[in-house]
Amino acid sequence: MEYELNITGIFKSRQELLDVVKKRRICYDSEPYYISDKKGSLLQIGFQINLYGTSPGTAKDMTPDSPEYDKVEQDVRRVAEALSNTCSPIHMCESTTIDPSTITYSPDRKMRPDVTVRIPIFDRNNFGHPVDEAIKNTLHTATKLLESAGVRKAGCGE
């Protein structure tokens, strides 16, 4: 099966997508997505994909107030939007920035300053039910789509 993001209206070409991913060194990881049930226990209802992007060259000087921050966030959001447009709308939700105007640092990415955009994956039509095969398949497809665009997993090749 061939995987390719639906970039219509988001990127001018596949090459532009690939260039943005490379320029922003966009990478991803995923984690379980939980809610509290009626008994106060945590119930996994899905997953969350985290997209990380930075700005090479000016990265060490990037702050939430710098114009470069906005450019990085916009580019990472464009990749997230393409992913959301490609995957099942029943399971893929709109992306959110981890905390607007926040830069994160992780040892996994050699403490580079990152803008983080999150994409929750759960059943929007039947909110609150435990993870099922459809949700797992959406996560699998989403990661394959990201990788087909050059987005790397975890350590981001730093």
Protein backbone atom coordinates (compact mmCIF):
# COMPACT_ATOMS: atom_id res chain seq x y z
CA MET A 1 0.00 0.00 0.00
CA GLU A 2 1.33 3.43 -0.95
CA TYR A 3 1.03 6.20 1.62
CA GLU A 4 0.87 9.87 0.66
CA LEU A 5 -0.44 12.90 2.52
CA ASN A 6 -3.31 14.88 1.00
CA ILE A 7 -1.61 18.28 0.62
CA THR A 8 -4.28 19.92 -1.56
CA GLY A 9 -4.68 23.56 -0.53
CA ILE A 10 -1.93 23.25 2.11
CA PHE A 11 1.30 22.83 0.15
CA LYS A 12 1.91 23.83 -3.47
CA SER A 13 3.67 20.56 -4.23
CA ARG A 14 5.04 17.40 -2.67
CA GLN A 15 8.50 18.95 -2.97
CA GLU A 16 7.40 21.93 -0.86
CA LEU A 17 6.13 19.49 1.80
CA LEU A 18 9.43 17.59 1.77
CA ASP A 19 11.38 20.87 1.96
CA VAL A 20 9.36 22.10 4.96
CA VAL A 21 9.81 18.79 6.79
CA LYS A 22 13.55 18.94 6.18
CA LYS A 23 13.93 22.66 7.00
CA ARG A 24 11.97 22.42 10.25
CA ARG A 25 13.46 18.99 11.09
CA ILE A 26 9.92 17.83 11.83
CA CYS A 27 9.67 14.56 13.71
CA TYR A 28 7.01 12.75 15.70
CA ASP A 29 6.23 10.41 18.53
CA SER A 30 2.97 9.00 19.85
CA GLU A 31 1.52 8.25 23.23
CA PRO A 32 -1.69 6.87 24.71
CA TYR A 33 -4.65 9.26 25.06
CA TYR A 34 -6.65 8.83 28.28
CA ILE A 35 -9.80 10.17 29.90
CA SER A 36 -11.17 9.59 33.38
CA ASP A 37 -14.11 7.21 33.56
CA LYS A 38 -17.05 7.55 35.97
CA LYS A 39 -15.11 5.68 38.67
CA GLY A 40 -12.13 8.03 38.40
CA SER A 41 -9.90 5.50 36.68
CA LEU A 42 -8.01 6.29 33.51
CA LEU A 43 -9.35 4.75 30.33
CA GLN A 44 -7.33 4.75 27.12
CA ILE A 45 -9.62 5.91 24.33
CA GLY A 46 -7.00 6.61 21.71
CA PHE A 47 -3.58 7.95 20.95
CA GLN A 48 -1.93 11.30 20.46
CA ILE A 49 0.65 12.08 17.81
CA ASN A 50 3.11 14.80 18.76
CA LEU A 51 4.82 16.66 15.91
CA TYR A 52 7.98 18.58 16.78
CA GLY A 53 9.61 21.27 14.66
CA THR A 54 12.48 23.69 15.09
CA SER A 55 14.34 26.36 13.17
CA PRO A 56 17.87 25.44 12.15
CA GLY A 57 20.41 28.21 12.40
CA THR A 58 18.38 30.49 14.66
CA ALA A 59 17.09 27.69 16.89
CA LYS A 60 19.17 28.57 19.94
CA ASP A 61 17.85 32.13 19.84
CA MET A 62 14.21 31.23 19.18
CA THR A 63 11.73 32.42 21.79
CA PRO A 64 7.92 32.37 21.77
CA ASP A 65 8.04 36.10 20.94
CA SER A 66 10.32 35.76 17.94
CA PRO A 67 8.92 35.87 14.40
CA GLU A 68 10.68 32.57 13.70
CA TYR A 69 8.53 30.83 16.34
CA ASP A 70 5.37 31.73 14.42
CA LYS A 71 6.87 30.48 11.15
CA VAL A 72 7.85 27.14 12.70
CA GLU A 73 4.44 26.71 14.32
CA GLN A 74 2.69 27.51 11.04
CA ASP A 75 4.78 24.95 9.14
CA VAL A 76 4.27 22.19 11.71
CA ARG A 77 0.52 22.92 11.75
CA ARG A 78 0.44 22.60 7.95
CA VAL A 79 1.88 19.09 8.20
CA ALA A 80 -0.65 18.28 10.94
CA GLU A 81 -3.48 19.62 8.78
CA ALA A 82 -2.38 17.51 5.81
CA LEU A 83 -2.35 14.46 8.08
CA SER A 84 -5.81 15.23 9.46
CA ASN A 85 -7.13 15.72 5.92
CA THR A 86 -5.77 12.36 4.83
CA CYS A 87 -6.82 10.14 7.73
CA SER A 88 -10.28 9.08 8.82
CA PRO A 89 -12.22 12.15 10.02
CA ILE A 90 -14.07 9.91 12.45
CA HIS A 91 -10.84 9.19 14.31
CA MET A 92 -8.46 12.05 13.54
CA CYS A 93 -9.12 15.30 15.36
CA GLU A 94 -7.87 18.83 14.78
CA SER A 95 -4.34 19.57 15.86
CA THR A 96 -3.53 21.72 18.85
CA THR A 97 -0.34 23.45 19.92
CA ILE A 98 0.99 22.01 23.18
CA ASP A 99 0.76 25.43 24.82
CA PRO A 100 0.61 28.43 22.56
CA SER A 101 3.85 30.39 22.79
CA THR A 102 5.74 27.58 24.52
CA ILE A 103 9.02 26.06 23.47
CA THR A 104 9.87 22.57 24.70
CA TYR A 105 13.25 20.93 25.14
CA SER A 106 13.87 17.20 25.22
CA PRO A 107 17.03 15.15 25.70
CA ASP A 108 15.65 12.87 22.93
CA ARG A 109 16.19 15.76 20.50
CA LYS A 110 19.43 17.03 22.04
CA MET A 111 17.65 19.86 23.87
CA ARG A 112 16.81 21.73 20.69
CA PRO A 113 13.99 24.30 21.06
CA ASP A 114 10.83 22.74 19.62
CA VAL A 115 7.35 23.91 18.80
CA THR A 116 5.01 20.99 19.51
CA VAL A 117 1.70 20.32 17.77
CA ARG A 118 -0.51 17.49 19.03
CA ILE A 119 -3.04 15.48 17.07
CA PRO A 120 -5.46 13.35 19.13
CA ILE A 121 -6.80 10.14 17.61
CA PHE A 122 -10.04 8.71 19.05
CA ASP A 123 -13.56 7.84 17.92
CA ARG A 124 -15.37 11.16 17.60
CA ASN A 125 -18.72 9.47 16.94
CA ASN A 126 -18.57 7.29 20.04
CA PHE A 127 -16.42 9.31 22.43
CA GLY A 128 -15.18 7.49 25.49
CA HIS A 129 -15.05 3.91 24.29
CA PRO A 130 -11.78 2.00 24.71
CA VAL A 131 -9.21 1.78 21.94
CA ASP A 132 -10.31 -0.59 19.18
CA GLU A 133 -8.78 -1.88 15.95
CA ALA A 134 -10.07 1.09 13.92
CA ILE A 135 -8.27 3.54 16.20
CA LYS A 136 -5.08 1.42 16.17
CA ASN A 137 -5.26 1.25 12.37
CA THR A 138 -5.66 5.03 12.16
CA LEU A 139 -2.51 5.49 14.25
CA HIS A 140 -0.61 3.01 12.08
CA THR A 141 -1.75 4.73 8.88
CA ALA A 142 -0.96 8.18 10.28
CA THR A 143 2.61 7.21 11.17
CA LYS A 144 3.15 5.66 7.72
CA LEU A 145 1.82 8.84 6.09
CA LEU A 146 4.17 11.01 8.15
CA GLU A 147 7.13 8.80 7.34
CA SER A 148 6.26 8.92 3.62
CA ALA A 149 6.73 12.70 3.85
CA GLY A 150 10.14 12.37 5.50
CA VAL A 151 8.94 12.92 9.07
CA ARG A 152 11.08 10.77 11.32
CA LYS A 153 10.19 9.08 14.58
CA ALA A 154 11.43 9.93 18.06
CA GLY A 155 14.99 11.25 18.24
CA CYS A 156 14.47 13.24 15.04
CA GLY A 157 17.93 12.48 13.70
CA GLU A 158 19.63 15.19 15.69
